[in-house]
Full PDB file with SEQRES, HELIX, SHEET, SSBOND, CRYST1, ORIGX, SCALE, CONECT and MASTER records, all heavy atoms in Angstrom:
SEQRES   1 A   31  PRO LYS GLN ARG THR GLY ASP ASN ALA CYS PRO TYR THR          
SEQRES   2 A   31  THR LEU TYR TRP ALA PHE LEU ASP ARG HIS GLU ALA GLU          
SEQRES   3 A   31  LEU ALA ALA SER PRO                                          
HELIX    1 AA1 PRO A   11  ARG A   22  1                                  12    
HELIX    2 AA2 GLU A   24  ALA A   28  1                                   5    
CRYST1    1.000    1.000    1.000  90.00  90.00  90.00 P 1           1          
ORIGX1      1.000000  0.000000  0.000000        0.00000                         
ORIGX2      0.000000  1.000000  0.000000        0.00000                         
ORIGX3      0.000000  0.000000  1.000000        0.00000                         
SCALE1      1.000000  0.000000  0.000000        0.00000                         
SCALE2      0.000000  1.000000  0.000000        0.00000                         
SCALE3      0.000000  0.000000  1.000000        0.00000                         
ATOM      1  N   PRO A   1     -18.501  10.023  17.381  1.00  0.00           N  
ATOM      2  CA  PRO A   1     -17.166   9.516  17.098  1.00  0.00           C  
ATOM      3  C   PRO A   1     -16.087  10.517  17.725  1.00  0.00           C  
ATOM      4  O   PRO A   1     -14.933  10.166  17.818  1.00  0.00           O  
ATOM      5  CB  PRO A   1     -17.081   9.585  15.562  1.00  0.00           C  
ATOM      6  CG  PRO A   1     -18.157  10.409  15.085  1.00  0.00           C  
ATOM      7  CD  PRO A   1     -19.290  10.289  16.159  1.00  0.00           C  
ATOM      8  N   LYS A   2     -16.511  11.717  18.165  1.00  0.00           N  
ATOM      9  CA  LYS A   2     -15.552  12.630  18.799  1.00  0.00           C  
ATOM     10  C   LYS A   2     -15.297  12.372  20.283  1.00  0.00           C  
ATOM     11  O   LYS A   2     -14.376  12.867  20.917  1.00  0.00           O  
ATOM     12  CB  LYS A   2     -16.077  14.034  18.600  1.00  0.00           C  
ATOM     13  CG  LYS A   2     -16.084  14.504  17.156  1.00  0.00           C  
ATOM     14  CD  LYS A   2     -16.470  15.962  17.074  1.00  0.00           C  
ATOM     15  CE  LYS A   2     -16.460  16.460  15.628  1.00  0.00           C  
ATOM     16  NZ  LYS A   2     -17.427  15.772  14.822  1.00  0.00           N  
ATOM     17  N   GLN A   3     -16.198  11.514  20.864  1.00  0.00           N  
ATOM     18  CA  GLN A   3     -16.146  11.255  22.335  1.00  0.00           C  
ATOM     19  C   GLN A   3     -15.384   9.820  22.580  1.00  0.00           C  
ATOM     20  O   GLN A   3     -15.657   8.897  21.939  1.00  0.00           O  
ATOM     21  CB  GLN A   3     -17.481  11.290  22.963  1.00  0.00           C  
ATOM     22  CG  GLN A   3     -18.166  12.628  22.931  1.00  0.00           C  
ATOM     23  CD  GLN A   3     -19.427  12.559  23.788  1.00  0.00           C  
ATOM     24  OE1 GLN A   3     -19.483  11.877  24.804  1.00  0.00           O  
ATOM     25  NE2 GLN A   3     -20.452  13.357  23.375  1.00  0.00           N  
ATOM     26  N   ARG A   4     -14.468   9.967  23.502  1.00  0.00           N  
ATOM     27  CA  ARG A   4     -13.647   8.774  23.860  1.00  0.00           C  
ATOM     28  C   ARG A   4     -14.296   8.009  25.080  1.00  0.00           C  
ATOM     29  O   ARG A   4     -14.132   6.770  25.081  1.00  0.00           O  
ATOM     30  CB  ARG A   4     -12.219   9.163  24.263  1.00  0.00           C  
ATOM     31  CG  ARG A   4     -11.490   9.754  23.184  1.00  0.00           C  
ATOM     32  CD  ARG A   4      -9.949   9.889  23.640  1.00  0.00           C  
ATOM     33  NE  ARG A   4      -9.779  11.040  24.464  1.00  0.00           N  
ATOM     34  CZ  ARG A   4      -9.301  12.232  24.150  1.00  0.00           C  
ATOM     35  NH1 ARG A   4      -8.885  12.404  22.924  1.00  0.00           N  
ATOM     36  NH2 ARG A   4      -9.181  13.210  25.047  1.00  0.00           N  
ATOM     37  N   THR A   5     -14.983   8.619  25.927  1.00  0.00           N  
ATOM     38  CA  THR A   5     -15.600   7.941  27.132  1.00  0.00           C  
ATOM     39  C   THR A   5     -16.992   8.516  27.343  1.00  0.00           C  
ATOM     40  O   THR A   5     -17.300   9.597  26.788  1.00  0.00           O  
ATOM     41  CB  THR A   5     -14.706   8.191  28.368  1.00  0.00           C  
ATOM     42  OG1 THR A   5     -14.595   9.522  28.575  1.00  0.00           O  
ATOM     43  CG2 THR A   5     -13.364   7.526  28.196  1.00  0.00           C  
ATOM     44  N   GLY A   6     -17.757   7.782  28.086  1.00  0.00           N  
ATOM     45  CA  GLY A   6     -19.107   8.227  28.374  1.00  0.00           C  
ATOM     46  C   GLY A   6     -20.051   7.482  27.685  1.00  0.00           C  
ATOM     47  O   GLY A   6     -19.755   6.736  26.649  1.00  0.00           O  
ATOM     48  N   ASP A   7     -21.373   7.636  28.079  1.00  0.00           N  
ATOM     49  CA  ASP A   7     -22.445   6.806  27.492  1.00  0.00           C  
ATOM     50  C   ASP A   7     -22.591   7.041  25.897  1.00  0.00           C  
ATOM     51  O   ASP A   7     -23.072   6.128  25.193  1.00  0.00           O  
ATOM     52  CB  ASP A   7     -23.793   7.156  28.096  1.00  0.00           C  
ATOM     53  CG  ASP A   7     -23.867   6.707  29.532  1.00  0.00           C  
ATOM     54  OD1 ASP A   7     -23.003   5.850  29.925  1.00  0.00           O  
ATOM     55  OD2 ASP A   7     -24.711   7.184  30.295  1.00  0.00           O  
ATOM     56  N   ASN A   8     -22.201   8.246  25.370  1.00  0.00           N  
ATOM     57  CA  ASN A   8     -22.346   8.532  23.955  1.00  0.00           C  
ATOM     58  C   ASN A   8     -21.080   8.328  23.181  1.00  0.00           C  
ATOM     59  O   ASN A   8     -21.016   8.573  22.056  1.00  0.00           O  
ATOM     60  CB  ASN A   8     -22.912   9.939  23.761  1.00  0.00           C  
ATOM     61  CG  ASN A   8     -24.274  10.054  24.335  1.00  0.00           C  
ATOM     62  OD1 ASN A   8     -25.090   9.168  24.250  1.00  0.00           O  
ATOM     63  ND2 ASN A   8     -24.625  11.198  24.880  1.00  0.00           N  
ATOM     64  N   ALA A   9     -19.991   7.856  23.904  1.00  0.00           N  
ATOM     65  CA  ALA A   9     -18.694   7.682  23.203  1.00  0.00           C  
ATOM     66  C   ALA A   9     -18.910   6.605  22.152  1.00  0.00           C  
ATOM     67  O   ALA A   9     -19.414   5.552  22.297  1.00  0.00           O  
ATOM     68  CB  ALA A   9     -17.627   7.309  24.169  1.00  0.00           C  
ATOM     69  N   CYS A  10     -18.313   6.874  20.978  1.00  0.00           N  
ATOM     70  CA  CYS A  10     -18.263   5.885  19.849  1.00  0.00           C  
ATOM     71  C   CYS A  10     -17.428   4.699  20.320  1.00  0.00           C  
ATOM     72  O   CYS A  10     -16.170   4.968  20.640  1.00  0.00           O  
ATOM     73  CB  CYS A  10     -17.757   6.575  18.624  1.00  0.00           C  
ATOM     74  SG  CYS A  10     -17.523   5.340  17.277  1.00  0.00           S  
ATOM     75  N   PRO A  11     -17.893   3.527  20.249  1.00  0.00           N  
ATOM     76  CA  PRO A  11     -17.001   2.390  20.605  1.00  0.00           C  
ATOM     77  C   PRO A  11     -15.699   2.322  19.756  1.00  0.00           C  
ATOM     78  O   PRO A  11     -14.702   1.917  20.286  1.00  0.00           O  
ATOM     79  CB  PRO A  11     -17.895   1.199  20.353  1.00  0.00           C  
ATOM     80  CG  PRO A  11     -19.269   1.579  20.596  1.00  0.00           C  
ATOM     81  CD  PRO A  11     -19.230   3.089  20.019  1.00  0.00           C  
ATOM     82  N   TYR A  12     -15.768   2.737  18.494  1.00  0.00           N  
ATOM     83  CA  TYR A  12     -14.608   2.725  17.710  1.00  0.00           C  
ATOM     84  C   TYR A  12     -13.607   3.648  18.215  1.00  0.00           C  
ATOM     85  O   TYR A  12     -12.345   3.338  18.349  1.00  0.00           O  
ATOM     86  CB  TYR A  12     -14.943   3.064  16.247  1.00  0.00           C  
ATOM     87  CG  TYR A  12     -15.489   1.935  15.513  1.00  0.00           C  
ATOM     88  CD1 TYR A  12     -16.848   1.663  15.414  1.00  0.00           C  
ATOM     89  CD2 TYR A  12     -14.557   1.057  14.746  1.00  0.00           C  
ATOM     90  CE1 TYR A  12     -17.293   0.592  14.650  1.00  0.00           C  
ATOM     91  CE2 TYR A  12     -15.024   0.038  14.044  1.00  0.00           C  
ATOM     92  CZ  TYR A  12     -16.475  -0.250  13.940  1.00  0.00           C  
ATOM     93  OH  TYR A  12     -16.960  -1.283  13.212  1.00  0.00           O  
ATOM     94  N   THR A  13     -13.965   4.835  18.604  1.00  0.00           N  
ATOM     95  CA  THR A  13     -13.053   5.843  19.198  1.00  0.00           C  
ATOM     96  C   THR A  13     -12.455   5.428  20.564  1.00  0.00           C  
ATOM     97  O   THR A  13     -11.286   5.421  20.843  1.00  0.00           O  
ATOM     98  CB  THR A  13     -13.757   7.156  19.314  1.00  0.00           C  
ATOM     99  OG1 THR A  13     -14.215   7.551  18.013  1.00  0.00           O  
ATOM    100  CG2 THR A  13     -12.839   8.191  19.923  1.00  0.00           C  
ATOM    101  N   THR A  14     -13.300   4.810  21.420  1.00  0.00           N  
ATOM    102  CA  THR A  14     -12.890   4.365  22.741  1.00  0.00           C  
ATOM    103  C   THR A  14     -11.833   3.221  22.446  1.00  0.00           C  
ATOM    104  O   THR A  14     -10.819   3.220  23.090  1.00  0.00           O  
ATOM    105  CB  THR A  14     -14.017   3.783  23.522  1.00  0.00           C  
ATOM    106  OG1 THR A  14     -14.980   4.791  23.707  1.00  0.00           O  
ATOM    107  CG2 THR A  14     -13.617   3.251  24.783  1.00  0.00           C  
ATOM    108  N   LEU A  15     -12.247   2.271  21.656  1.00  0.00           N  
ATOM    109  CA  LEU A  15     -11.363   1.135  21.440  1.00  0.00           C  
ATOM    110  C   LEU A  15     -10.004   1.554  20.669  1.00  0.00           C  
ATOM    111  O   LEU A  15      -9.017   0.906  20.963  1.00  0.00           O  
ATOM    112  CB  LEU A  15     -12.091   0.009  20.649  1.00  0.00           C  
ATOM    113  CG  LEU A  15     -13.256  -0.623  21.310  1.00  0.00           C  
ATOM    114  CD1 LEU A  15     -13.966  -1.534  20.441  1.00  0.00           C  
ATOM    115  CD2 LEU A  15     -12.694  -1.485  22.576  1.00  0.00           C  
ATOM    116  N   TYR A  16     -10.105   2.548  19.886  1.00  0.00           N  
ATOM    117  CA  TYR A  16      -8.873   3.037  19.225  1.00  0.00           C  
ATOM    118  C   TYR A  16      -7.871   3.495  20.292  1.00  0.00           C  
ATOM    119  O   TYR A  16      -6.747   3.154  20.244  1.00  0.00           O  
ATOM    120  CB  TYR A  16      -9.303   4.125  18.266  1.00  0.00           C  
ATOM    121  CG  TYR A  16      -8.118   4.988  17.658  1.00  0.00           C  
ATOM    122  CD1 TYR A  16      -7.251   4.404  16.739  1.00  0.00           C  
ATOM    123  CD2 TYR A  16      -7.854   6.245  18.217  1.00  0.00           C  
ATOM    124  CE1 TYR A  16      -6.212   5.158  16.245  1.00  0.00           C  
ATOM    125  CE2 TYR A  16      -6.726   6.971  17.718  1.00  0.00           C  
ATOM    126  CZ  TYR A  16      -5.995   6.420  16.736  1.00  0.00           C  
ATOM    127  OH  TYR A  16      -4.870   7.219  16.232  1.00  0.00           O  
ATOM    128  N   TRP A  17      -8.300   4.373  21.190  1.00  0.00           N  
ATOM    129  CA  TRP A  17      -7.403   4.937  22.186  1.00  0.00           C  
ATOM    130  C   TRP A  17      -6.932   3.807  23.079  1.00  0.00           C  
ATOM    131  O   TRP A  17      -5.748   3.859  23.502  1.00  0.00           O  
ATOM    132  CB  TRP A  17      -8.049   6.070  22.888  1.00  0.00           C  
ATOM    133  CG  TRP A  17      -8.177   7.261  21.992  1.00  0.00           C  
ATOM    134  CD1 TRP A  17      -9.347   7.727  21.436  1.00  0.00           C  
ATOM    135  CD2 TRP A  17      -7.131   8.232  21.752  1.00  0.00           C  
ATOM    136  NE1 TRP A  17      -9.080   8.879  20.617  1.00  0.00           N  
ATOM    137  CE2 TRP A  17      -7.783   9.132  20.856  1.00  0.00           C  
ATOM    138  CE3 TRP A  17      -5.857   8.335  22.060  1.00  0.00           C  
ATOM    139  CZ2 TRP A  17      -7.055  10.253  20.280  1.00  0.00           C  
ATOM    140  CZ3 TRP A  17      -5.071   9.416  21.541  1.00  0.00           C  
ATOM    141  CH2 TRP A  17      -5.756  10.340  20.648  1.00  0.00           C  
ATOM    142  N   ALA A  18      -7.811   2.878  23.446  1.00  0.00           N  
ATOM    143  CA  ALA A  18      -7.349   1.712  24.204  1.00  0.00           C  
ATOM    144  C   ALA A  18      -6.371   0.933  23.552  1.00  0.00           C  
ATOM    145  O   ALA A  18      -5.408   0.330  24.162  1.00  0.00           O  
ATOM    146  CB  ALA A  18      -8.619   1.002  24.652  1.00  0.00           C  
ATOM    147  N   PHE A  19      -6.490   0.808  22.201  1.00  0.00           N  
ATOM    148  CA  PHE A  19      -5.592   0.023  21.345  1.00  0.00           C  
ATOM    149  C   PHE A  19      -4.219   0.693  21.440  1.00  0.00           C  
ATOM    150  O   PHE A  19      -3.138   0.093  21.670  1.00  0.00           O  
ATOM    151  CB  PHE A  19      -6.055  -0.155  19.945  1.00  0.00           C  
ATOM    152  CG  PHE A  19      -5.099  -0.731  19.014  1.00  0.00           C  
ATOM    153  CD1 PHE A  19      -5.126  -2.148  18.910  1.00  0.00           C  
ATOM    154  CD2 PHE A  19      -4.290   0.055  18.181  1.00  0.00           C  
ATOM    155  CE1 PHE A  19      -4.293  -2.730  17.972  1.00  0.00           C  
ATOM    156  CE2 PHE A  19      -3.434  -0.570  17.292  1.00  0.00           C  
ATOM    157  CZ  PHE A  19      -3.417  -2.016  17.157  1.00  0.00           C  
ATOM    158  N   LEU A  20      -4.128   2.036  21.287  1.00  0.00           N  
ATOM    159  CA  LEU A  20      -2.906   2.778  21.344  1.00  0.00           C  
ATOM    160  C   LEU A  20      -2.250   2.499  22.737  1.00  0.00           C  
ATOM    161  O   LEU A  20      -1.016   2.359  22.806  1.00  0.00           O  
ATOM    162  CB  LEU A  20      -3.086   4.166  21.078  1.00  0.00           C  
ATOM    163  CG  LEU A  20      -3.654   4.610  19.699  1.00  0.00           C  
ATOM    164  CD1 LEU A  20      -3.688   6.085  19.571  1.00  0.00           C  
ATOM    165  CD2 LEU A  20      -2.802   4.025  18.543  1.00  0.00           C  
ATOM    166  N   ASP A  21      -3.089   2.518  23.718  1.00  0.00           N  
ATOM    167  CA  ASP A  21      -2.614   2.479  25.100  1.00  0.00           C  
ATOM    168  C   ASP A  21      -1.912   0.986  25.355  1.00  0.00           C  
ATOM    169  O   ASP A  21      -0.864   0.932  25.902  1.00  0.00           O  
ATOM    170  CB  ASP A  21      -3.740   2.675  26.134  1.00  0.00           C  
ATOM    171  CG  ASP A  21      -3.175   2.750  27.488  1.00  0.00           C  
ATOM    172  OD1 ASP A  21      -2.445   3.767  27.869  1.00  0.00           O  
ATOM    173  OD2 ASP A  21      -3.526   1.877  28.364  1.00  0.00           O  
ATOM    174  N   ARG A  22      -2.674  -0.016  24.845  1.00  0.00           N  
ATOM    175  CA  ARG A  22      -2.135  -1.411  25.066  1.00  0.00           C  
ATOM    176  C   ARG A  22      -0.867  -1.633  24.290  1.00  0.00           C  
ATOM    177  O   ARG A  22      -0.004  -2.353  24.748  1.00  0.00           O  
ATOM    178  CB  ARG A  22      -3.226  -2.333  24.511  1.00  0.00           C  
ATOM    179  CG  ARG A  22      -4.393  -2.657  25.459  1.00  0.00           C  
ATOM    180  CD  ARG A  22      -5.188  -3.940  25.025  1.00  0.00           C  
ATOM    181  NE  ARG A  22      -5.448  -4.116  23.668  1.00  0.00           N  
ATOM    182  CZ  ARG A  22      -6.476  -3.545  23.051  1.00  0.00           C  
ATOM    183  NH1 ARG A  22      -7.299  -2.797  23.649  1.00  0.00           N  
ATOM    184  NH2 ARG A  22      -6.587  -3.874  21.735  1.00  0.00           N  
ATOM    185  N   HIS A  23      -0.695  -1.043  23.130  1.00  0.00           N  
ATOM    186  CA  HIS A  23       0.433  -1.427  22.333  1.00  0.00           C  
ATOM    187  C   HIS A  23       1.304  -0.128  22.123  1.00  0.00           C  
ATOM    188  O   HIS A  23       2.086   0.016  21.136  1.00  0.00           O  
ATOM    189  CB  HIS A  23      -0.067  -1.879  20.974  1.00  0.00           C  
ATOM    190  CG  HIS A  23      -0.993  -3.031  21.037  1.00  0.00           C  
ATOM    191  ND1 HIS A  23      -0.496  -4.284  21.421  1.00  0.00           N  
ATOM    192  CD2 HIS A  23      -2.322  -3.168  20.812  1.00  0.00           C  
ATOM    193  CE1 HIS A  23      -1.528  -5.176  21.427  1.00  0.00           C  
ATOM    194  NE2 HIS A  23      -2.607  -4.485  21.018  1.00  0.00           N  
ATOM    195  N   GLU A  24       1.371   0.688  23.163  1.00  0.00           N  
ATOM    196  CA  GLU A  24       2.175   1.900  23.067  1.00  0.00           C  
ATOM    197  C   GLU A  24       3.583   1.785  22.657  1.00  0.00           C  
ATOM    198  O   GLU A  24       4.104   2.493  21.866  1.00  0.00           O  
ATOM    199  CB  GLU A  24       1.974   2.661  24.398  1.00  0.00           C  
ATOM    200  CG  GLU A  24       2.739   4.030  24.424  1.00  0.00           C  
ATOM    201  CD  GLU A  24       2.645   4.757  25.812  1.00  0.00           C  
ATOM    202  OE1 GLU A  24       1.915   4.154  26.743  1.00  0.00           O  
ATOM    203  OE2 GLU A  24       3.121   5.901  25.896  1.00  0.00           O  
ATOM    204  N   ALA A  25       4.288   0.832  23.354  1.00  0.00           N  
ATOM    205  CA  ALA A  25       5.595   0.706  23.159  1.00  0.00           C  
ATOM    206  C   ALA A  25       6.026   0.255  21.687  1.00  0.00           C  
ATOM    207  O   ALA A  25       6.942   0.848  20.999  1.00  0.00           O  
ATOM    208  CB  ALA A  25       6.313  -0.361  24.082  1.00  0.00           C  
ATOM    209  N   GLU A  26       5.321  -0.699  21.144  1.00  0.00           N  
ATOM    210  CA  GLU A  26       5.522  -1.130  19.776  1.00  0.00           C  
ATOM    211  C   GLU A  26       5.204  -0.027  18.743  1.00  0.00           C  
ATOM    212  O   GLU A  26       5.919   0.240  17.774  1.00  0.00           O  
ATOM    213  CB  GLU A  26       4.713  -2.353  19.404  1.00  0.00           C  
ATOM    214  CG  GLU A  26       4.881  -2.871  18.007  1.00  0.00           C  
ATOM    215  CD  GLU A  26       4.220  -4.102  17.754  1.00  0.00           C  
ATOM    216  OE1 GLU A  26       3.754  -4.863  18.683  1.00  0.00           O  
ATOM    217  OE2 GLU A  26       4.075  -4.447  16.561  1.00  0.00           O  
ATOM    218  N   LEU A  27       4.018   0.658  18.945  1.00  0.00           N  
ATOM    219  CA  LEU A  27       3.601   1.701  18.028  1.00  0.00           C  
ATOM    220  C   LEU A  27       4.623   2.940  18.151  1.00  0.00           C  
ATOM    221  O   LEU A  27       4.836   3.583  17.086  1.00  0.00           O  
ATOM    222  CB  LEU A  27       2.212   2.099  18.298  1.00  0.00           C  
ATOM    223  CG  LEU A  27       1.151   1.030  18.178  1.00  0.00           C  
ATOM    224  CD1 LEU A  27      -0.176   1.544  18.608  1.00  0.00           C  
ATOM    225  CD2 LEU A  27       1.045   0.557  16.719  1.00  0.00           C  
ATOM    226  N   ALA A  28       5.086   3.246  19.295  1.00  0.00           N  
ATOM    227  CA  ALA A  28       6.059   4.382  19.424  1.00  0.00           C  
ATOM    228  C   ALA A  28       7.291   4.090  18.678  1.00  0.00           C  
ATOM    229  O   ALA A  28       7.993   5.039  18.238  1.00  0.00           O  
ATOM    230  CB  ALA A  28       6.233   4.655  20.945  1.00  0.00           C  
ATOM    231  N   ALA A  29       7.737   2.829  18.516  1.00  0.00           N  
ATOM    232  CA  ALA A  29       9.052   2.516  17.887  1.00  0.00           C  
ATOM    233  C   ALA A  29       8.962   2.575  16.325  1.00  0.00           C  
ATOM    234  O   ALA A  29      10.076   2.614  15.735  1.00  0.00           O  
ATOM    235  CB  ALA A  29       9.460   1.173  18.293  1.00  0.00           C  
ATOM    236  N   SER A  30       7.740   2.817  15.709  1.00  0.00           N  
ATOM    237  CA  SER A  30       7.676   2.789  14.347  1.00  0.00           C  
ATOM    238  C   SER A  30       7.444   4.206  13.819  1.00  0.00           C  
ATOM    239  O   SER A  30       6.474   4.935  14.387  1.00  0.00           O  
ATOM    240  CB  SER A  30       6.552   1.907  13.876  1.00  0.00           C  
ATOM    241  OG  SER A  30       6.239   2.162  12.508  1.00  0.00           O  
ATOM    242  N   PRO A  31       8.131   4.787  12.881  1.00  0.00           N  
ATOM    243  CA  PRO A  31       7.822   6.058  12.363  1.00  0.00           C  
ATOM    244  C   PRO A  31       6.415   6.176  11.717  1.00  0.00           C  
ATOM    245  O   PRO A  31       5.834   7.323  11.730  1.00  0.00           O  
ATOM    246  CB  PRO A  31       9.027   6.219  11.207  1.00  0.00           C  
ATOM    247  CG  PRO A  31      10.024   5.233  11.569  1.00  0.00           C  
ATOM    248  CD  PRO A  31       9.340   4.056  12.296  1.00  0.00           C  
TER     249      PRO A  31                                                      
MASTER        0    0    0    2    0    0    0    6  248    1    0    3          
END                                                                             
């Protein structure tokens, strides 16, 4: 779960950071 990329990266962790990237503008606007 500590790895974002690579063969051993947890899919939840990878997808979490990808989710933030996809929705960056909306998430940045909320405290």
